[in-house]
N, C-alpha and C. Protein backbone atom coordinates (compact mmCIF):
# COMPACT_ATOMS: atom_id res chain seq x y z
N MET A 1 0.85 -1.18 0.00
CA MET A 1 0.00 0.00 0.00
C MET A 1 0.89 1.24 0.00
N ALA A 2 0.49 2.24 -0.76
CA ALA A 2 1.24 3.50 -0.79
C ALA A 2 1.36 4.04 0.62
N GLU A 3 2.56 4.48 0.99
CA GLU A 3 2.77 4.99 2.35
C GLU A 3 2.09 6.34 2.52
N GLN A 4 2.54 7.34 1.77
CA GLN A 4 1.87 8.64 1.76
C GLN A 4 1.67 9.04 0.31
N ILE A 5 0.58 9.77 0.07
CA ILE A 5 0.30 10.30 -1.25
C ILE A 5 0.34 11.82 -1.13
N VAL A 6 1.31 12.41 -1.78
CA VAL A 6 1.49 13.86 -1.73
C VAL A 6 0.84 14.46 -2.96
N LEU A 7 -0.12 15.32 -2.74
CA LEU A 7 -0.87 15.96 -3.82
C LEU A 7 -0.32 17.35 -4.06
N VAL A 8 -0.06 17.68 -5.32
CA VAL A 8 0.42 19.01 -5.68
C VAL A 8 -0.54 19.58 -6.72
N ARG A 9 -1.18 20.69 -6.37
CA ARG A 9 -1.98 21.38 -7.38
C ARG A 9 -1.02 22.16 -8.27
N HIS A 10 -1.30 22.18 -9.55
CA HIS A 10 -0.43 22.88 -10.50
C HIS A 10 -0.28 24.35 -10.14
N GLY A 11 0.76 24.97 -10.67
CA GLY A 11 1.00 26.40 -10.46
C GLY A 11 -0.04 27.25 -11.17
N GLU A 12 0.04 28.53 -10.93
CA GLU A 12 -0.92 29.49 -11.47
C GLU A 12 -0.92 29.49 -13.00
N THR A 13 -2.12 29.58 -13.56
CA THR A 13 -2.32 29.83 -14.99
C THR A 13 -3.06 31.16 -15.12
N GLU A 14 -3.12 31.68 -16.31
CA GLU A 14 -3.87 32.94 -16.50
C GLU A 14 -5.33 32.75 -16.11
N TRP A 15 -5.91 31.60 -16.46
CA TRP A 15 -7.31 31.36 -16.13
C TRP A 15 -7.52 31.14 -14.64
N SER A 16 -6.62 30.45 -13.96
CA SER A 16 -6.81 30.28 -12.51
C SER A 16 -6.68 31.63 -11.81
N ARG A 17 -5.79 32.47 -12.29
CA ARG A 17 -5.63 33.81 -11.72
C ARG A 17 -6.92 34.61 -11.84
N LEU A 18 -7.65 34.42 -12.95
CA LEU A 18 -8.88 35.16 -13.21
C LEU A 18 -10.13 34.41 -12.73
N HIS A 19 -9.95 33.27 -12.07
CA HIS A 19 -11.05 32.46 -11.52
C HIS A 19 -11.96 31.89 -12.61
N GLN A 20 -11.39 31.60 -13.77
CA GLN A 20 -12.15 30.97 -14.84
C GLN A 20 -12.10 29.45 -14.67
N HIS A 21 -13.21 28.79 -14.95
CA HIS A 21 -13.24 27.33 -14.90
C HIS A 21 -12.30 26.79 -15.98
N THR A 22 -11.28 26.08 -15.53
CA THR A 22 -10.28 25.53 -16.45
C THR A 22 -10.30 24.03 -16.32
N GLY A 23 -11.05 23.38 -17.17
CA GLY A 23 -11.13 21.93 -17.15
C GLY A 23 -10.14 21.32 -18.11
N ARG A 24 -10.57 21.13 -19.33
CA ARG A 24 -9.76 20.42 -20.32
C ARG A 24 -8.98 21.34 -21.24
N THR A 25 -9.16 22.66 -21.13
CA THR A 25 -8.37 23.59 -21.94
C THR A 25 -6.92 23.44 -21.51
N ASP A 26 -6.05 23.19 -22.46
CA ASP A 26 -4.66 22.82 -22.14
C ASP A 26 -3.77 24.06 -22.20
N ILE A 27 -3.76 24.81 -21.11
CA ILE A 27 -2.96 26.03 -21.06
C ILE A 27 -1.79 25.85 -20.09
N GLY A 28 -0.76 26.65 -20.31
CA GLY A 28 0.45 26.56 -19.51
C GLY A 28 0.41 27.49 -18.30
N LEU A 29 1.52 27.50 -17.60
CA LEU A 29 1.67 28.30 -16.39
C LEU A 29 2.04 29.73 -16.72
N THR A 30 1.67 30.64 -15.83
CA THR A 30 2.15 32.02 -15.91
C THR A 30 3.59 32.03 -15.38
N GLU A 31 4.26 33.16 -15.48
CA GLU A 31 5.60 33.28 -14.91
C GLU A 31 5.56 33.01 -13.41
N ARG A 32 4.56 33.55 -12.73
CA ARG A 32 4.42 33.27 -11.30
C ARG A 32 4.20 31.79 -11.06
N GLY A 33 3.37 31.15 -11.87
CA GLY A 33 3.12 29.72 -11.74
C GLY A 33 4.40 28.92 -11.89
N GLU A 34 5.26 29.33 -12.80
CA GLU A 34 6.55 28.65 -12.97
C GLU A 34 7.43 28.83 -11.74
N ARG A 35 7.51 30.05 -11.20
CA ARG A 35 8.31 30.29 -9.99
C ARG A 35 7.78 29.47 -8.81
N ASP A 36 6.47 29.44 -8.68
CA ASP A 36 5.86 28.69 -7.57
C ASP A 36 6.13 27.19 -7.70
N ALA A 37 6.11 26.68 -8.91
CA ALA A 37 6.39 25.25 -9.12
C ALA A 37 7.83 24.92 -8.73
N VAL A 38 8.76 25.82 -9.04
CA VAL A 38 10.15 25.62 -8.63
C VAL A 38 10.25 25.62 -7.11
N ALA A 39 9.51 26.50 -6.45
CA ALA A 39 9.53 26.56 -4.98
C ALA A 39 9.00 25.28 -4.35
N VAL A 40 8.06 24.63 -5.01
CA VAL A 40 7.50 23.37 -4.50
C VAL A 40 8.60 22.30 -4.44
N ALA A 41 9.57 22.35 -5.35
CA ALA A 41 10.62 21.34 -5.42
C ALA A 41 11.34 21.19 -4.08
N ASP A 42 11.67 22.30 -3.44
CA ASP A 42 12.38 22.23 -2.16
C ASP A 42 11.55 21.52 -1.10
N GLU A 43 10.28 21.82 -1.07
CA GLU A 43 9.39 21.20 -0.08
C GLU A 43 9.28 19.69 -0.30
N LEU A 44 9.29 19.26 -1.55
CA LEU A 44 9.12 17.83 -1.86
C LEU A 44 10.36 17.01 -1.55
N GLN A 45 11.48 17.65 -1.28
CA GLN A 45 12.71 16.91 -1.01
C GLN A 45 12.68 16.15 0.30
N GLN A 46 11.70 16.41 1.16
CA GLN A 46 11.62 15.68 2.42
C GLN A 46 11.12 14.25 2.25
N TRP A 47 10.63 13.93 1.06
CA TRP A 47 10.18 12.58 0.76
C TRP A 47 11.11 11.93 -0.26
N SER A 48 11.12 10.62 -0.24
CA SER A 48 11.77 9.85 -1.30
C SER A 48 10.63 9.12 -2.02
N PHE A 49 10.31 9.58 -3.22
CA PHE A 49 9.14 9.08 -3.93
C PHE A 49 9.46 7.85 -4.78
N SER A 50 8.58 6.87 -4.68
CA SER A 50 8.66 5.69 -5.53
C SER A 50 7.91 5.92 -6.83
N HIS A 51 6.92 6.83 -6.79
CA HIS A 51 6.06 7.07 -7.94
C HIS A 51 5.78 8.56 -8.09
N ALA A 52 5.88 9.04 -9.32
CA ALA A 52 5.48 10.41 -9.67
C ALA A 52 4.44 10.29 -10.76
N LEU A 53 3.26 10.83 -10.49
CA LEU A 53 2.13 10.71 -11.41
C LEU A 53 1.58 12.09 -11.71
N SER A 54 1.03 12.25 -12.91
CA SER A 54 0.52 13.56 -13.29
C SER A 54 -0.66 13.43 -14.24
N SER A 55 -1.51 14.43 -14.17
CA SER A 55 -2.49 14.65 -15.22
C SER A 55 -1.71 14.88 -16.51
N PRO A 56 -2.25 14.48 -17.65
CA PRO A 56 -1.55 14.75 -18.90
C PRO A 56 -1.67 16.20 -19.38
N LEU A 57 -2.47 17.02 -18.70
CA LEU A 57 -2.63 18.41 -19.12
C LEU A 57 -1.37 19.21 -18.82
N LEU A 58 -1.06 20.14 -19.72
CA LEU A 58 0.20 20.88 -19.70
C LEU A 58 0.52 21.53 -18.36
N ARG A 59 -0.46 22.17 -17.74
CA ARG A 59 -0.19 22.89 -16.50
C ARG A 59 0.29 21.96 -15.39
N ALA A 60 -0.23 20.75 -15.33
CA ALA A 60 0.22 19.78 -14.33
C ALA A 60 1.59 19.23 -14.71
N ARG A 61 1.78 18.90 -15.98
CA ARG A 61 3.08 18.38 -16.43
C ARG A 61 4.20 19.40 -16.23
N GLU A 62 3.91 20.67 -16.53
CA GLU A 62 4.92 21.73 -16.33
C GLU A 62 5.26 21.87 -14.85
N THR A 63 4.27 21.80 -13.99
CA THR A 63 4.53 21.88 -12.56
C THR A 63 5.41 20.72 -12.12
N ALA A 64 5.10 19.52 -12.58
CA ALA A 64 5.91 18.35 -12.24
C ALA A 64 7.36 18.53 -12.71
N ARG A 65 7.53 18.98 -13.93
CA ARG A 65 8.88 19.17 -14.48
C ARG A 65 9.66 20.20 -13.67
N LEU A 66 9.04 21.34 -13.39
CA LEU A 66 9.72 22.41 -12.66
C LEU A 66 9.97 22.04 -11.20
N ALA A 67 9.19 21.11 -10.67
CA ALA A 67 9.38 20.64 -9.30
C ALA A 67 10.39 19.49 -9.24
N GLY A 68 10.98 19.14 -10.40
CA GLY A 68 12.03 18.14 -10.41
C GLY A 68 11.60 16.74 -10.82
N PHE A 69 10.40 16.61 -11.38
CA PHE A 69 9.89 15.31 -11.80
C PHE A 69 9.61 15.33 -13.30
N GLY A 70 10.68 15.32 -14.08
CA GLY A 70 10.61 15.56 -15.51
C GLY A 70 9.71 14.64 -16.31
N GLU A 71 9.66 13.37 -15.96
CA GLU A 71 8.88 12.40 -16.73
C GLU A 71 7.92 11.63 -15.82
N PRO A 72 6.92 12.29 -15.25
CA PRO A 72 5.99 11.55 -14.40
C PRO A 72 5.11 10.64 -15.25
N GLU A 73 4.55 9.64 -14.62
CA GLU A 73 3.60 8.75 -15.29
C GLU A 73 2.31 9.55 -15.51
N LEU A 74 1.82 9.59 -16.75
CA LEU A 74 0.62 10.36 -17.07
C LEU A 74 -0.61 9.48 -16.89
N ILE A 75 -1.58 10.00 -16.14
CA ILE A 75 -2.79 9.27 -15.79
C ILE A 75 -4.00 10.08 -16.25
N ASP A 76 -4.74 9.58 -17.22
CA ASP A 76 -5.91 10.30 -17.74
C ASP A 76 -6.95 10.58 -16.66
N ASP A 77 -7.10 9.67 -15.69
CA ASP A 77 -8.09 9.86 -14.63
C ASP A 77 -7.78 11.07 -13.75
N LEU A 78 -6.56 11.62 -13.86
CA LEU A 78 -6.19 12.81 -13.07
C LEU A 78 -6.50 14.12 -13.79
N MET A 79 -7.09 14.05 -14.99
CA MET A 79 -7.45 15.30 -15.67
C MET A 79 -8.53 16.03 -14.88
N GLU A 80 -8.52 17.35 -15.01
CA GLU A 80 -9.49 18.16 -14.28
C GLU A 80 -10.91 17.87 -14.76
N TRP A 81 -11.85 18.24 -13.94
CA TRP A 81 -13.28 18.15 -14.20
C TRP A 81 -13.56 18.71 -15.60
N ASP A 82 -14.39 18.04 -16.35
CA ASP A 82 -14.81 18.54 -17.66
C ASP A 82 -16.00 19.47 -17.43
N TYR A 83 -15.77 20.78 -17.64
CA TYR A 83 -16.80 21.78 -17.35
C TYR A 83 -17.74 22.03 -18.53
N GLY A 84 -17.55 21.31 -19.63
CA GLY A 84 -18.46 21.44 -20.76
C GLY A 84 -18.61 22.88 -21.21
N ASP A 85 -19.85 23.33 -21.33
CA ASP A 85 -20.14 24.69 -21.83
C ASP A 85 -19.71 25.78 -20.85
N ASP A 86 -19.38 25.41 -19.61
CA ASP A 86 -18.94 26.40 -18.62
C ASP A 86 -17.42 26.62 -18.67
N GLU A 87 -16.74 25.90 -19.54
CA GLU A 87 -15.29 26.04 -19.67
C GLU A 87 -14.92 27.49 -19.98
N GLY A 88 -13.98 28.02 -19.23
CA GLY A 88 -13.50 29.38 -19.46
C GLY A 88 -14.33 30.47 -18.81
N ARG A 89 -15.45 30.12 -18.22
CA ARG A 89 -16.33 31.11 -17.60
C ARG A 89 -16.08 31.17 -16.10
N THR A 90 -16.36 32.30 -15.50
CA THR A 90 -16.29 32.42 -14.05
C THR A 90 -17.63 32.06 -13.43
N THR A 91 -17.61 31.75 -12.16
CA THR A 91 -18.87 31.45 -11.46
C THR A 91 -19.80 32.65 -11.50
N VAL A 92 -19.27 33.85 -11.34
CA VAL A 92 -20.08 35.07 -11.38
C VAL A 92 -20.79 35.17 -12.73
N ASP A 93 -20.08 34.92 -13.82
CA ASP A 93 -20.66 34.99 -15.16
C ASP A 93 -21.73 33.90 -15.36
N ILE A 94 -21.44 32.70 -14.91
CA ILE A 94 -22.40 31.60 -15.06
C ILE A 94 -23.68 31.89 -14.30
N ARG A 95 -23.56 32.50 -13.13
CA ARG A 95 -24.75 32.78 -12.30
C ARG A 95 -25.67 33.83 -12.92
N LYS A 96 -25.17 34.59 -13.90
CA LYS A 96 -26.06 35.52 -14.62
C LYS A 96 -27.09 34.72 -15.42
N ASP A 97 -26.69 33.57 -15.95
CA ASP A 97 -27.59 32.69 -16.71
C ASP A 97 -28.31 31.69 -15.81
N ARG A 98 -27.62 31.23 -14.77
CA ARG A 98 -28.16 30.19 -13.89
C ARG A 98 -27.94 30.61 -12.43
N PRO A 99 -28.84 31.46 -11.90
CA PRO A 99 -28.69 31.92 -10.51
C PRO A 99 -28.54 30.74 -9.55
N GLY A 100 -27.65 30.91 -8.59
CA GLY A 100 -27.42 29.86 -7.60
C GLY A 100 -26.53 28.73 -8.07
N PHE A 101 -25.97 28.86 -9.26
CA PHE A 101 -25.13 27.81 -9.83
C PHE A 101 -24.02 27.39 -8.87
N SER A 102 -23.78 26.09 -8.78
CA SER A 102 -22.62 25.52 -8.12
C SER A 102 -22.24 24.26 -8.89
N LYS A 103 -21.00 24.19 -9.32
CA LYS A 103 -20.54 23.01 -10.05
C LYS A 103 -20.66 21.76 -9.17
N TRP A 104 -20.64 21.96 -7.87
CA TRP A 104 -20.73 20.83 -6.95
C TRP A 104 -22.13 20.24 -6.89
N LEU A 105 -23.13 21.01 -7.29
CA LEU A 105 -24.51 20.56 -7.15
C LEU A 105 -25.23 20.32 -8.46
N ALA A 106 -24.70 20.82 -9.57
CA ALA A 106 -25.36 20.66 -10.86
C ALA A 106 -24.33 20.32 -11.93
N THR A 107 -24.70 19.46 -12.84
CA THR A 107 -23.80 19.09 -13.93
C THR A 107 -23.77 20.21 -14.95
N PRO A 108 -22.57 20.70 -15.30
CA PRO A 108 -22.50 21.74 -16.32
C PRO A 108 -22.96 21.18 -17.68
N PRO A 109 -23.68 21.97 -18.48
CA PRO A 109 -24.13 21.47 -19.78
C PRO A 109 -22.95 20.95 -20.61
N GLY A 110 -23.07 19.71 -21.05
CA GLY A 110 -22.02 19.10 -21.87
C GLY A 110 -20.80 18.66 -21.08
N GLY A 111 -20.86 18.69 -19.74
CA GLY A 111 -19.70 18.35 -18.92
C GLY A 111 -19.96 17.21 -17.97
N GLU A 112 -19.08 17.07 -16.99
CA GLU A 112 -19.16 16.00 -16.01
C GLU A 112 -19.86 16.46 -14.74
N SER A 113 -20.53 15.55 -14.08
CA SER A 113 -21.08 15.79 -12.75
C SER A 113 -19.99 15.47 -11.72
N VAL A 114 -20.21 15.88 -10.49
CA VAL A 114 -19.27 15.53 -9.44
C VAL A 114 -19.21 14.02 -9.27
N ALA A 115 -20.32 13.32 -9.51
CA ALA A 115 -20.32 11.85 -9.43
C ALA A 115 -19.44 11.25 -10.53
N ASP A 116 -19.45 11.85 -11.73
CA ASP A 116 -18.58 11.38 -12.82
C ASP A 116 -17.12 11.52 -12.43
N VAL A 117 -16.77 12.65 -11.83
CA VAL A 117 -15.39 12.88 -11.39
C VAL A 117 -15.02 11.86 -10.33
N ALA A 118 -15.94 11.57 -9.42
CA ALA A 118 -15.68 10.61 -8.35
C ALA A 118 -15.39 9.22 -8.89
N VAL A 119 -16.03 8.83 -9.97
CA VAL A 119 -15.76 7.52 -10.57
C VAL A 119 -14.29 7.45 -10.99
N ARG A 120 -13.80 8.51 -11.62
CA ARG A 120 -12.39 8.53 -12.03
C ARG A 120 -11.46 8.53 -10.82
N VAL A 121 -11.81 9.34 -9.82
CA VAL A 121 -10.99 9.44 -8.60
C VAL A 121 -10.95 8.10 -7.87
N ASP A 122 -12.09 7.45 -7.72
CA ASP A 122 -12.13 6.15 -7.04
C ASP A 122 -11.27 5.12 -7.77
N ARG A 123 -11.32 5.15 -9.09
CA ARG A 123 -10.50 4.23 -9.89
C ARG A 123 -9.01 4.51 -9.64
N PHE A 124 -8.65 5.81 -9.58
CA PHE A 124 -7.25 6.17 -9.30
C PHE A 124 -6.84 5.72 -7.90
N ILE A 125 -7.69 5.94 -6.91
CA ILE A 125 -7.36 5.51 -5.54
C ILE A 125 -7.10 4.01 -5.51
N ASP A 126 -7.93 3.23 -6.17
CA ASP A 126 -7.71 1.78 -6.21
C ASP A 126 -6.34 1.45 -6.79
N GLN A 127 -5.92 2.19 -7.81
CA GLN A 127 -4.62 1.94 -8.43
C GLN A 127 -3.47 2.36 -7.52
N ILE A 128 -3.60 3.50 -6.88
CA ILE A 128 -2.48 4.04 -6.10
C ILE A 128 -2.26 3.27 -4.80
N VAL A 129 -3.31 2.78 -4.18
CA VAL A 129 -3.12 2.04 -2.92
C VAL A 129 -2.43 0.70 -3.16
N ALA A 130 -2.47 0.22 -4.38
CA ALA A 130 -1.80 -1.05 -4.71
C ALA A 130 -0.29 -0.89 -4.86
N ARG A 131 0.20 0.33 -4.88
CA ARG A 131 1.63 0.59 -5.07
C ARG A 131 2.34 0.72 -3.73
N GLU A 132 3.62 0.39 -3.72
CA GLU A 132 4.45 0.52 -2.52
C GLU A 132 5.18 1.85 -2.54
N GLY A 133 5.46 2.41 -1.37
CA GLY A 133 6.25 3.61 -1.25
C GLY A 133 5.43 4.89 -1.34
N HIS A 134 6.12 6.01 -1.25
CA HIS A 134 5.48 7.32 -1.34
C HIS A 134 5.20 7.67 -2.80
N ALA A 135 4.09 8.36 -3.02
CA ALA A 135 3.72 8.80 -4.37
C ALA A 135 3.48 10.30 -4.35
N VAL A 136 3.88 10.98 -5.43
CA VAL A 136 3.56 12.39 -5.61
C VAL A 136 2.65 12.49 -6.82
N VAL A 137 1.60 13.29 -6.69
CA VAL A 137 0.56 13.41 -7.72
C VAL A 137 0.41 14.88 -8.08
N PHE A 138 0.60 15.20 -9.36
CA PHE A 138 0.43 16.57 -9.86
C PHE A 138 -0.88 16.63 -10.63
N ALA A 139 -1.79 17.47 -10.16
CA ALA A 139 -3.09 17.54 -10.82
C ALA A 139 -3.74 18.90 -10.56
N HIS A 140 -5.06 18.92 -10.47
CA HIS A 140 -5.87 20.13 -10.55
C HIS A 140 -6.72 20.32 -9.30
N GLY A 141 -7.07 21.58 -9.02
CA GLY A 141 -7.74 21.94 -7.79
C GLY A 141 -9.02 21.18 -7.48
N HIS A 142 -9.96 21.15 -8.40
CA HIS A 142 -11.24 20.52 -8.10
C HIS A 142 -11.13 19.00 -8.12
N LEU A 143 -10.36 18.46 -9.05
CA LEU A 143 -10.13 17.01 -9.08
C LEU A 143 -9.48 16.57 -7.77
N LEU A 144 -8.45 17.29 -7.31
CA LEU A 144 -7.78 16.93 -6.07
C LEU A 144 -8.69 17.09 -4.85
N ALA A 145 -9.58 18.07 -4.87
CA ALA A 145 -10.53 18.25 -3.77
C ALA A 145 -11.46 17.03 -3.67
N VAL A 146 -11.91 16.53 -4.81
CA VAL A 146 -12.73 15.32 -4.82
C VAL A 146 -11.90 14.13 -4.34
N LEU A 147 -10.64 14.08 -4.73
CA LEU A 147 -9.76 13.00 -4.29
C LEU A 147 -9.61 13.00 -2.77
N VAL A 148 -9.41 14.17 -2.18
CA VAL A 148 -9.33 14.26 -0.71
C VAL A 148 -10.62 13.75 -0.08
N ALA A 149 -11.75 14.20 -0.59
CA ALA A 149 -13.04 13.76 -0.03
C ALA A 149 -13.21 12.24 -0.12
N ARG A 150 -12.91 11.68 -1.27
CA ARG A 150 -13.09 10.24 -1.45
C ARG A 150 -12.09 9.45 -0.61
N TRP A 151 -10.85 9.96 -0.46
CA TRP A 151 -9.86 9.30 0.39
C TRP A 151 -10.39 9.18 1.83
N LEU A 152 -11.12 10.21 2.26
CA LEU A 152 -11.66 10.25 3.61
C LEU A 152 -13.03 9.57 3.71
N ASP A 153 -13.44 8.85 2.66
CA ASP A 153 -14.73 8.16 2.61
C ASP A 153 -15.91 9.11 2.73
N LEU A 154 -15.75 10.32 2.22
CA LEU A 154 -16.83 11.30 2.19
C LEU A 154 -17.49 11.30 0.82
N GLU A 155 -18.69 11.82 0.75
CA GLU A 155 -19.36 11.99 -0.54
C GLU A 155 -18.53 12.93 -1.41
N PRO A 156 -18.55 12.76 -2.73
CA PRO A 156 -17.74 13.59 -3.62
C PRO A 156 -18.01 15.10 -3.46
N VAL A 157 -19.25 15.47 -3.19
CA VAL A 157 -19.60 16.88 -3.04
C VAL A 157 -18.87 17.53 -1.86
N ALA A 158 -18.40 16.73 -0.91
CA ALA A 158 -17.64 17.26 0.22
C ALA A 158 -16.32 17.88 -0.25
N GLY A 159 -15.91 17.61 -1.47
CA GLY A 159 -14.72 18.23 -2.01
C GLY A 159 -14.77 19.75 -1.98
N ARG A 160 -15.96 20.31 -2.00
CA ARG A 160 -16.09 21.77 -1.96
C ARG A 160 -15.58 22.34 -0.65
N ARG A 161 -15.39 21.50 0.35
CA ARG A 161 -14.86 21.94 1.65
C ARG A 161 -13.33 21.93 1.70
N PHE A 162 -12.70 21.52 0.59
CA PHE A 162 -11.24 21.42 0.54
C PHE A 162 -10.67 22.25 -0.60
N PRO A 163 -10.81 23.57 -0.56
CA PRO A 163 -10.27 24.38 -1.65
C PRO A 163 -8.74 24.36 -1.62
N LEU A 164 -8.16 24.19 -2.79
CA LEU A 164 -6.71 24.09 -2.88
C LEU A 164 -6.15 25.24 -3.71
N ALA A 165 -5.21 25.94 -3.15
CA ALA A 165 -4.54 27.04 -3.85
C ALA A 165 -3.58 26.46 -4.90
N THR A 166 -3.25 27.29 -5.87
CA THR A 166 -2.25 26.86 -6.85
C THR A 166 -0.92 26.61 -6.14
N ALA A 167 -0.18 25.66 -6.67
CA ALA A 167 1.14 25.29 -6.14
C ALA A 167 1.10 24.95 -4.65
N SER A 168 0.02 24.31 -4.23
CA SER A 168 -0.10 23.90 -2.84
C SER A 168 0.15 22.40 -2.73
N ILE A 169 0.52 21.99 -1.51
CA ILE A 169 0.80 20.59 -1.22
C ILE A 169 -0.18 20.12 -0.16
N SER A 170 -0.72 18.92 -0.37
CA SER A 170 -1.56 18.25 0.62
C SER A 170 -1.05 16.82 0.75
N VAL A 171 -1.27 16.21 1.89
CA VAL A 171 -0.73 14.86 2.12
C VAL A 171 -1.84 13.94 2.63
N LEU A 172 -2.04 12.85 1.89
CA LEU A 172 -2.96 11.78 2.29
C LEU A 172 -2.13 10.66 2.91
N ASP A 173 -2.68 10.04 3.94
CA ASP A 173 -1.92 9.03 4.67
C ASP A 173 -2.91 8.04 5.28
N THR A 174 -2.39 7.12 6.05
CA THR A 174 -3.23 6.24 6.85
C THR A 174 -2.74 6.30 8.30
N TYR A 175 -3.67 6.10 9.20
CA TYR A 175 -3.35 5.98 10.62
C TYR A 175 -4.07 4.73 11.10
N ARG A 176 -3.28 3.73 11.45
CA ARG A 176 -3.81 2.40 11.73
C ARG A 176 -4.58 1.94 10.50
N GLU A 177 -5.86 1.69 10.62
CA GLU A 177 -6.63 1.22 9.44
C GLU A 177 -7.36 2.34 8.72
N ASP A 178 -7.28 3.55 9.22
CA ASP A 178 -8.07 4.64 8.67
C ASP A 178 -7.28 5.51 7.71
N ARG A 179 -7.94 5.96 6.66
CA ARG A 179 -7.36 6.94 5.75
C ARG A 179 -7.52 8.32 6.38
N VAL A 180 -6.42 9.08 6.39
CA VAL A 180 -6.42 10.39 7.05
C VAL A 180 -5.81 11.45 6.14
N LEU A 181 -6.04 12.68 6.52
CA LEU A 181 -5.46 13.83 5.85
C LEU A 181 -4.40 14.41 6.78
N ARG A 182 -3.14 14.33 6.38
CA ARG A 182 -2.03 14.82 7.21
C ARG A 182 -1.78 16.31 7.03
N LEU A 183 -2.00 16.80 5.81
CA LEU A 183 -1.68 18.19 5.49
C LEU A 183 -2.63 18.64 4.38
N LEU A 184 -3.11 19.86 4.47
CA LEU A 184 -4.01 20.38 3.44
C LEU A 184 -3.58 21.77 3.03
N ASN A 185 -3.40 21.94 1.73
CA ASN A 185 -3.25 23.28 1.14
C ASN A 185 -2.03 24.04 1.67
N HIS A 186 -0.94 23.32 1.88
CA HIS A 186 0.29 23.96 2.34
C HIS A 186 0.93 24.74 1.20
N ARG A 187 1.16 26.01 1.42
CA ARG A 187 1.85 26.84 0.44
C ARG A 187 3.29 27.00 0.88
N CYS A 188 4.19 26.74 -0.02
CA CYS A 188 5.61 26.91 0.27
C CYS A 188 5.91 28.40 0.39
N ASP A 189 7.10 28.74 0.77
CA ASP A 189 7.49 30.15 0.87
C ASP A 189 7.60 30.73 -0.54
N LEU A 190 6.46 31.16 -1.04
CA LEU A 190 6.37 31.59 -2.44
C LEU A 190 6.50 33.10 -2.56
N ASN A 191 6.96 33.52 -3.73
CA ASN A 191 7.07 34.97 -4.02
C ASN A 191 5.74 35.54 -4.48
């Protein structure tokens, strides 16, 4: 069983800076996002990782590379939530059309529901617990929030209670027989 699973949300992108829903649009990091990803590298040195895994989307791969993990294993199930027609829009903008909108409670038109994301996350958890040693996972804010919720045996919608900043580190672990959260949303000494 994986000893600890260290989750790293990708560095800042232009869309994350502007609070736009960034699901499958494959955009890179801003200059700040690149600096923050480099800063994450120092923090990750406290572990000796047996596995480095990443979403195949550019922003996660770039974060992995800049954090010192040049060729992580790419896992499609780690891609961010598919926001469908809400891709690129802010929550404020979406609520003009759909008052009270929450991605956690309603499926975006043409996109995935939180239950759909949970299916992918649960499949990934099954794969990762079968591995030995520490694992580092580079992925996306909402996907990782669902992963934290599911690791803790919570409903997928509970992911909304675990907001993750860009270039943040969280740690999943076990204590005796229970899955636990050791660290959430740790920001390194970033500029």
